PDB file of N, CA and C in Angstrom:
ATOM      1  N   MET A   1       3.156  24.430  -5.955  1.00  0.00           N
ATOM      2  CA  MET A   1       3.829  23.699  -4.901  1.00  0.00           C
ATOM      3  C   MET A   1       4.563  24.185  -3.829  1.00  0.00           C
ATOM      4  N   LYS A   2       5.526  24.557  -4.436  1.00  0.00           N
ATOM      5  CA  LYS A   2       6.999  25.285  -3.736  1.00  0.00           C
ATOM      6  C   LYS A   2       6.784  26.655  -3.003  1.00  0.00           C
ATOM      7  N   SER A   3       5.176  26.990  -3.148  1.00  0.00           N
ATOM      8  CA  SER A   3       5.696  28.026  -1.751  1.00  0.00           C
ATOM      9  C   SER A   3       4.091  27.242  -0.385  1.00  0.00           C
ATOM     10  N   ILE A   4       4.151  25.986  -0.668  1.00  0.00           N
ATOM     11  CA  ILE A   4       3.814  25.184   0.364  1.00  0.00           C
ATOM     12  C   ILE A   4       4.932  25.454   1.412  1.00  0.00           C
ATOM     13  N   THR A   5       4.377  25.719   2.657  1.00  0.00           N
ATOM     14  CA  THR A   5       5.899  25.419   3.898  1.00  0.00           C
ATOM     15  C   THR A   5       5.554  24.975   4.600  1.00  0.00           C
ATOM     16  N   VAL A   6       6.787  23.511   5.192  1.00  0.00           N
ATOM     17  CA  VAL A   6       6.055  22.813   6.220  1.00  0.00           C
ATOM     18  C   VAL A   6       6.914  22.650   6.967  1.00  0.00           C
ATOM     19  N   LYS A   7       6.687  22.672   8.600  1.00  0.00           N
ATOM     20  CA  LYS A   7       7.712  22.697   9.334  1.00  0.00           C
ATOM     21  C   LYS A   7       8.354  21.517   9.767  1.00  0.00           C
ATOM     22  N   LYS A   8       9.933  21.875  10.075  1.00  0.00           N
ATOM     23  CA  LYS A   8      10.665  20.729  10.265  1.00  0.00           C
ATOM     24  C   LYS A   8       9.929  19.304  11.499  1.00  0.00           C
ATOM     25  N   THR A   9       8.741  20.102  12.542  1.00  0.00           N
ATOM     26  CA  THR A   9       8.410  19.103  13.590  1.00  0.00           C
ATOM     27  C   THR A   9       7.737  18.215  12.362  1.00  0.00           C
ATOM     28  N   THR A  10       7.013  18.503  11.700  1.00  0.00           N
ATOM     29  CA  THR A  10       6.015  17.617  11.162  1.00  0.00           C
ATOM     30  C   THR A  10       6.261  16.628  10.346  1.00  0.00           C
ATOM     31  N   TYR A  11       7.461  17.390   9.517  1.00  0.00           N
ATOM     32  CA  TYR A  11       8.562  15.821   8.669  1.00  0.00           C
ATOM     33  C   TYR A  11       8.484  14.877   9.992  1.00  0.00           C
ATOM     34  N   LEU A  12       8.691  15.386  11.015  1.00  0.00           N
ATOM     35  CA  LEU A  12      10.039  14.322  11.760  1.00  0.00           C
ATOM     36  C   LEU A  12       8.493  13.446  12.215  1.00  0.00           C
ATOM     37  N   ILE A  13       7.560  14.020  12.438  1.00  0.00           N
ATOM     38  CA  ILE A  13       6.047  13.351  13.349  1.00  0.00           C
ATOM     39  C   ILE A  13       6.113  12.290  12.316  1.00  0.00           C
ATOM     40  N   ILE A  14       5.636  12.712  10.713  1.00  0.00           N
ATOM     41  CA  ILE A  14       5.904  11.806   9.815  1.00  0.00           C
ATOM     42  C   ILE A  14       6.623  10.626   9.763  1.00  0.00           C
ATOM     43  N   GLY A  15       7.611  11.231  10.369  1.00  0.00           N
ATOM     44  CA  GLY A  15       8.856   9.808   9.422  1.00  0.00           C
ATOM     45  C   GLY A  15       8.453   8.801  10.593  1.00  0.00           C
ATOM     46  N   LEU A  16       8.641   9.047  11.436  1.00  0.00           N
ATOM     47  CA  LEU A  16       8.613   8.900  12.789  1.00  0.00           C
ATOM     48  C   LEU A  16       7.196   7.463  12.748  1.00  0.00           C
ATOM     49  N   VAL A  17       6.168   8.289  12.611  1.00  0.00           N
ATOM     50  CA  VAL A  17       4.624   7.453  13.074  1.00  0.00           C
ATOM     51  C   VAL A  17       5.033   6.594  11.307  1.00  0.00           C
ATOM     52  N   THR A  18       5.472   6.296  10.127  1.00  0.00           N
ATOM     53  CA  THR A  18       5.660   5.677   9.298  1.00  0.00           C
ATOM     54  C   THR A  18       7.124   4.753   9.696  1.00  0.00           C
ATOM     55  N   SER A  19       7.942   5.506  10.467  1.00  0.00           N
ATOM     56  CA  SER A  19       8.565   4.261  10.794  1.00  0.00           C
ATOM     57  C   SER A  19       7.882   3.325  11.785  1.00  0.00           C
ATOM     58  N   VAL A  20       7.351   4.009  12.856  1.00  0.00           N
ATOM     59  CA  VAL A  20       6.513   2.809  13.964  1.00  0.00           C
ATOM     60  C   VAL A  20       5.424   1.776  13.200  1.00  0.00           C
ATOM     61  N   SER A  21       4.750   2.474  12.374  1.00  0.00           N
ATOM     62  CA  SER A  21       4.278   1.300  11.729  1.00  0.00           C
ATOM     63  C   SER A  21       4.478   0.708  11.014  1.00  0.00           C
ATOM     64  N   PHE A  22       5.987   0.846   9.683  1.00  0.00           N
ATOM     65  CA  PHE A  22       6.993  -0.170   9.278  1.00  0.00           C
ATOM     66  C   PHE A  22       7.142  -1.672  10.068  1.00  0.00           C
ATOM     67  N   LEU A  23       7.521  -0.572  11.150  1.00  0.00           N
ATOM     68  CA  LEU A  23       8.145  -1.975  12.088  1.00  0.00           C
ATOM     69  C   LEU A  23       7.054  -2.965  12.649  1.00  0.00           C
ATOM     70  N   THR A  24       5.928  -1.969  13.329  1.00  0.00           N
ATOM     71  CA  THR A  24       5.144  -2.658  13.922  1.00  0.00           C
ATOM     72  C   THR A  24       4.610  -4.096  13.200  1.00  0.00           C
ATOM     73  N   GLY A  25       4.071  -3.781  11.410  1.00  0.00           N
ATOM     74  CA  GLY A  25       4.019  -4.633  10.688  1.00  0.00           C
ATOM     75  C   GLY A  25       5.346  -5.805  10.502  1.00  0.00           C
ATOM     76  N   TYR A  26       6.326  -5.273  10.542  1.00  0.00           N
ATOM     77  CA  TYR A  26       7.582  -6.081  10.345  1.00  0.00           C
ATOM     78  C   TYR A  26       7.624  -7.466  12.044  1.00  0.00           C
ATOM     79  N   LEU A  27       7.137  -6.802  13.081  1.00  0.00           N
ATOM     80  CA  LEU A  27       7.138  -7.664  14.340  1.00  0.00           C
ATOM     81  C   LEU A  27       6.165  -8.581  14.139  1.00  0.00           C
ATOM     82  N   LEU A  28       4.918  -7.831  13.998  1.00  0.00           N
ATOM     83  CA  LEU A  28       3.512  -8.466  13.760  1.00  0.00           C
ATOM     84  C   LEU A  28       4.040  -9.862  12.608  1.00  0.00           C
ATOM     85  N   GLY A  29       4.654  -9.453  11.472  1.00  0.00           N
ATOM     86  CA  GLY A  29       5.087 -10.550  10.718  1.00  0.00           C
ATOM     87  C   GLY A  29       5.775 -11.937  10.702  1.00  0.00           C
ATOM     88  N   ASP A  30       6.626 -11.296  11.741  1.00  0.00           N
ATOM     89  CA  ASP A  30       8.012 -11.779  12.372  1.00  0.00           C
ATOM     90  C   ASP A  30       7.120 -12.456  13.370  1.00  0.00           C
ATOM     91  N   ILE A  31       6.353 -12.313  14.012  1.00  0.00           N
ATOM     92  CA  ILE A  31       5.363 -13.041  15.404  1.00  0.00           C
ATOM     93  C   ILE A  31       4.718 -14.260  14.527  1.00  0.00           C
ATOM     94  N   LEU A  32       3.935 -13.502  13.834  1.00  0.00           N
ATOM     95  CA  LEU A  32       3.107 -14.668  12.989  1.00  0.00           C
ATOM     96  C   LEU A  32       3.966 -16.125  12.282  1.00  0.00           C
ATOM     97  N   GLY A  33       5.006 -16.145  11.484  1.00  0.00           N
ATOM     98  CA  GLY A  33       5.831 -16.363  10.801  1.00  0.00           C
ATOM     99  C   GLY A  33       6.246 -17.561  12.394  1.00  0.00           C
ATOM    100  N   ILE A  34       6.757 -17.317  13.454  1.00  0.00           N
ATOM    101  CA  ILE A  34       7.121 -18.378  14.272  1.00  0.00           C
ATOM    102  C   ILE A  34       6.016 -19.116  14.799  1.00  0.00           C
ATOM    103  N   LEU A  35       4.675 -18.222  14.738  1.00  0.00           N
ATOM    104  CA  LEU A  35       3.913 -18.798  15.723  1.00  0.00           C
ATOM    105  C   LEU A  35       3.105 -19.745  14.417  1.00  0.00           C
ATOM    106  N   ILE A  36       2.834 -19.773  13.384  1.00  0.00           N
ATOM    107  CA  ILE A  36       1.859 -20.122  12.648  1.00  0.00           C
ATOM    108  C   ILE A  36       2.688 -20.377  11.448  1.00  0.00           C
ATOM    109  N   PRO A  37       3.908 -21.080  10.745  1.00  0.00           N
ATOM    110  CA  PRO A  37       4.265 -20.985   9.491  1.00  0.00           C
ATOM    111  C   PRO A  37       3.915 -20.879   8.978  1.00  0.00           C
ATOM    112  N   LYS A  38       3.245 -21.843   8.342  1.00  0.00           N
ATOM    113  CA  LYS A  38       2.451 -22.466   6.829  1.00  0.00           C
ATOM    114  C   LYS A  38       1.811 -21.204   6.508  1.00  0.00           C
ATOM    115  N   VAL A  39       1.039 -21.181   7.511  1.00  0.00           N
ATOM    116  CA  VAL A  39      -0.088 -20.030   7.077  1.00  0.00           C
ATOM    117  C   VAL A  39       0.230 -18.716   6.909  1.00  0.00           C
ATOM    118  N   SER A  40       1.362 -18.123   7.788  1.00  0.00           N
ATOM    119  CA  SER A  40       1.856 -16.846   7.502  1.00  0.00           C
ATOM    120  C   SER A  40       2.447 -16.951   6.121  1.00  0.00           C
ATOM    121  N   GLU A  41       2.474 -17.724   5.215  1.00  0.00           N
ATOM    122  CA  GLU A  41       3.282 -18.033   4.080  1.00  0.00           C
ATOM    123  C   GLU A  41       2.321 -18.148   3.085  1.00  0.00           C
ATOM    124  N   TYR A  42       0.952 -18.760   3.513  1.00  0.00           N
ATOM    125  CA  TYR A  42      -0.321 -18.664   2.414  1.00  0.00           C
ATOM    126  C   TYR A  42      -0.906 -17.573   2.513  1.00  0.00           C
ATOM    127  N   LEU A  43      -1.175 -16.236   3.747  1.00  0.00           N
ATOM    128  CA  LEU A  43      -1.491 -15.551   4.045  1.00  0.00           C
ATOM    129  C   LEU A  43      -1.061 -14.585   2.765  1.00  0.00           C
ATOM    130  N   GLY A  44       0.537 -14.326   3.190  1.00  0.00           N
ATOM    131  CA  GLY A  44       1.708 -13.647   2.753  1.00  0.00           C
ATOM    132  C   GLY A  44       1.104 -12.991   1.419  1.00  0.00           C
ATOM    133  N   GLY A  45       0.840 -14.432   0.739  1.00  0.00           N
ATOM    134  CA  GLY A  45       0.267 -15.006  -1.411  1.00  0.00           C
ATOM    135  C   GLY A  45      -0.625 -14.161  -1.008  1.00  0.00           C
ATOM    136  N   ILE A  46      -1.663 -14.302  -0.248  1.00  0.00           N
ATOM    137  CA  ILE A  46      -2.633 -14.022  -0.934  1.00  0.00           C
ATOM    138  C   ILE A  46      -3.066 -12.528  -0.253  1.00  0.00           C
ATOM    139  N   ILE A  47      -2.577 -11.920   0.009  1.00  0.00           N
ATOM    140  CA  ILE A  47      -2.149 -10.304   0.586  1.00  0.00           C
ATOM    141  C   ILE A  47      -1.951  -9.460  -0.906  1.00  0.00           C
ATOM    142  N   PHE A  48      -0.251 -10.534  -1.046  1.00  0.00           N
ATOM    143  CA  PHE A  48       0.111 -10.155  -2.397  1.00  0.00           C
ATOM    144  C   PHE A  48      -0.295 -10.057  -4.159  1.00  0.00           C
ATOM    145  N   LEU A  49      -1.428 -11.057  -3.867  1.00  0.00           N
ATOM    146  CA  LEU A  49      -2.530 -11.828  -4.920  1.00  0.00           C
ATOM    147  C   LEU A  49      -3.451 -10.318  -4.868  1.00  0.00           C
ATOM    148  N   LEU A  50      -4.168 -10.369  -3.665  1.00  0.00           N
ATOM    149  CA  LEU A  50      -5.485  -8.974  -3.563  1.00  0.00           C
ATOM    150  C   LEU A  50      -4.402  -7.654  -3.961  1.00  0.00           C
ATOM    151  N   ILE A  51      -3.257  -7.092  -3.579  1.00  0.00           N
ATOM    152  CA  ILE A  51      -2.496  -5.970  -3.822  1.00  0.00           C
ATOM    153  C   ILE A  51      -2.713  -6.145  -5.861  1.00  0.00           C
ATOM    154  N   GLY A  52      -1.931  -7.021  -5.897  1.00  0.00           N
ATOM    155  CA  GLY A  52      -1.731  -6.831  -7.701  1.00  0.00           C
ATOM    156  C   GLY A  52      -3.606  -6.852  -8.264  1.00  0.00           C
ATOM    157  N   CYS A  53      -4.139  -7.764  -7.871  1.00  0.00           N
ATOM    158  CA  CYS A  53      -5.807  -7.585  -8.702  1.00  0.00           C
ATOM    159  C   CYS A  53      -6.268  -6.280  -8.442  1.00  0.00           C
ATOM    160  N   TYR A  54      -6.151  -5.698  -7.137  1.00  0.00           N
ATOM    161  CA  TYR A  54      -6.686  -4.675  -7.029  1.00  0.00           C
ATOM    162  C   TYR A  54      -5.821  -3.047  -7.653  1.00  0.00           C
ATOM    163  N   VAL A  55      -4.706  -3.192  -7.652  1.00  0.00           N
ATOM    164  CA  VAL A  55      -3.348  -2.594  -9.214  1.00  0.00           C
ATOM    165  C   VAL A  55      -4.492  -2.699 -10.392  1.00  0.00           C
ATOM    166  N   LEU A  56      -4.675  -3.796 -10.762  1.00  0.00           N
ATOM    167  CA  LEU A  56      -5.291  -4.263 -12.152  1.00  0.00           C
ATOM    168  C   LEU A  56      -6.470  -3.791 -12.516  1.00  0.00           C
ATOM    169  N   TRP A  57      -7.026  -3.931 -11.128  1.00  0.00           N
ATOM    170  CA  TRP A  57      -8.853  -2.883 -11.413  1.00  0.00           C
ATOM    171  C   TRP A  57      -8.848  -1.724 -11.939  1.00  0.00           C
ATOM    172  N   GLN A  58      -8.401  -1.329 -11.163  1.00  0.00           N
ATOM    173  CA  GLN A  58      -7.618   0.449 -11.006  1.00  0.00           C
ATOM    174  C   GLN A  58      -7.422   0.779 -12.168  1.00  0.00           C
ATOM    175  N   TRP A  59      -6.345  -0.075 -12.629  1.00  0.00           N
ATOM    176  CA  TRP A  59      -5.920   0.744 -14.756  1.00  0.00           C
ATOM    177  C   TRP A  59      -6.444   0.076 -14.988  1.00  0.00           C
ATOM    178  N   VAL A  60      -7.524  -0.894 -15.548  1.00  0.00           N
ATOM    179  CA  VAL A  60      -8.812  -1.225 -15.825  1.00  0.00           C
ATOM    180  C   VAL A  60      -9.543   0.054 -16.823  1.00  0.00           C
ATOM    181  N   ASP A  61      -9.846   0.412 -14.991  1.00  0.00           N
ATOM    182  CA  ASP A  61     -10.701   1.367 -14.604  1.00  0.00           C
ATOM    183  C   ASP A  61     -10.542   2.950 -15.139  1.00  0.00           C
ATOM    184  N   GLU A  62      -9.015   3.089 -14.913  1.00  0.00           N
ATOM    185  CA  GLU A  62      -8.474   4.009 -15.937  1.00  0.00           C
ATOM    186  C   GLU A  62      -8.511   4.106 -17.448  1.00  0.00           C
ATOM    187  N   GLN A  63      -8.388   3.086 -17.885  1.00  0.00           N
ATOM    188  CA  GLN A  63      -8.472   3.043 -19.257  1.00  0.00           C
ATOM    189  C   GLN A  63     -10.195   2.745 -19.733  1.00  0.00           C
ATOM    190  N   LYS A  64     -10.550   2.135 -18.904  1.00  0.00           N
ATOM    191  CA  LYS A  64     -12.222   2.900 -19.713  1.00  0.00           C
ATOM    192  C   LYS A  64     -12.695   3.570 -19.340  1.00  0.00           C
ATOM    193  N   GLU A  65     -11.865   4.821 -18.648  1.00  0.00           N
ATOM    194  CA  GLU A  65     -12.296   6.059 -18.737  1.00  0.00           C
ATOM    195  C   GLU A  65     -11.476   6.752 -19.807  1.00  0.00           C
ATOM    196  N   LYS A  66     -10.543   6.806 -19.658  1.00  0.00           N
ATOM    197  CA  LYS A  66      -9.622   7.473 -21.342  1.00  0.00           C
ATOM    198  C   LYS A  66     -10.799   6.430 -22.529  1.00  0.00           C
ATOM    199  N   ILE A  67     -11.267   5.390 -22.846  1.00  0.00           N
ATOM    200  CA  ILE A  67     -11.072   5.049 -23.353  1.00  0.00           C
ATOM    201  C   ILE A  67     -13.061   5.568 -24.202  1.00  0.00           C
ATOM    202  N   SER A  68     -14.278   6.326 -22.759  1.00  0.00           N
ATOM    203  CA  SER A  68     -15.117   6.782 -23.161  1.00  0.00           C
ATOM    204  C   SER A  68     -14.837   8.044 -23.584  1.00  0.00           C
ATOM    205  N   GLU A  69     -13.696   9.238 -22.691  1.00  0.00           N
ATOM    206  CA  GLU A  69     -13.426  10.207 -23.503  1.00  0.00           C
ATOM    207  C   GLU A  69     -13.042  10.244 -24.606  1.00  0.00           C
ATOM    208  N   VAL A  70     -12.577   9.767 -25.269  1.00  0.00           N
ATOM    209  CA  VAL A  70     -12.201   9.420 -27.079  1.00  0.00           C
ATOM    210  C   VAL A  70     -13.161   9.054 -27.263  1.00  0.00           C
ATOM    211  N   LEU A  71     -14.193   8.049 -26.984  1.00  0.00           N
ATOM    212  CA  LEU A  71     -14.801   7.573 -27.985  1.00  0.00           C
ATOM    213  C   LEU A  71     -16.708   7.821 -27.220  1.00  0.00           C
ATOM    214  N   PRO A  72     -17.308   8.883 -27.437  1.00  0.00           N
ATOM    215  CA  PRO A  72     -18.388   9.511 -26.677  1.00  0.00           C
ATOM    216  C   PRO A  72     -19.319   8.249 -27.629  1.00  0.00           C
ATOM    217  N   ARG A  73     -20.431   7.962 -26.215  1.00  0.00           N
ATOM    218  CA  ARG A  73     -21.470   7.215 -27.034  1.00  0.00           C
ATOM    219  C   ARG A  73     -22.529   7.878 -27.272  1.00  0.00           C
TER     220      ARG A  73
END
């Protein structure tokens, strides 16, 4: 990994794209919060629940793989 070199312009582009995407998400969330405040609260909660379920599903799937490696059938 240490032998990989990346130009500074590549870091700059990645940083700019990341910044613009976060800013866009923030602005869209803010606009939704103004236009439809209750719906945006529920939508934010649902998104957090879905992300949590997805992370939990990945963890369970990873544990199943580890168990199947230790205990062959």
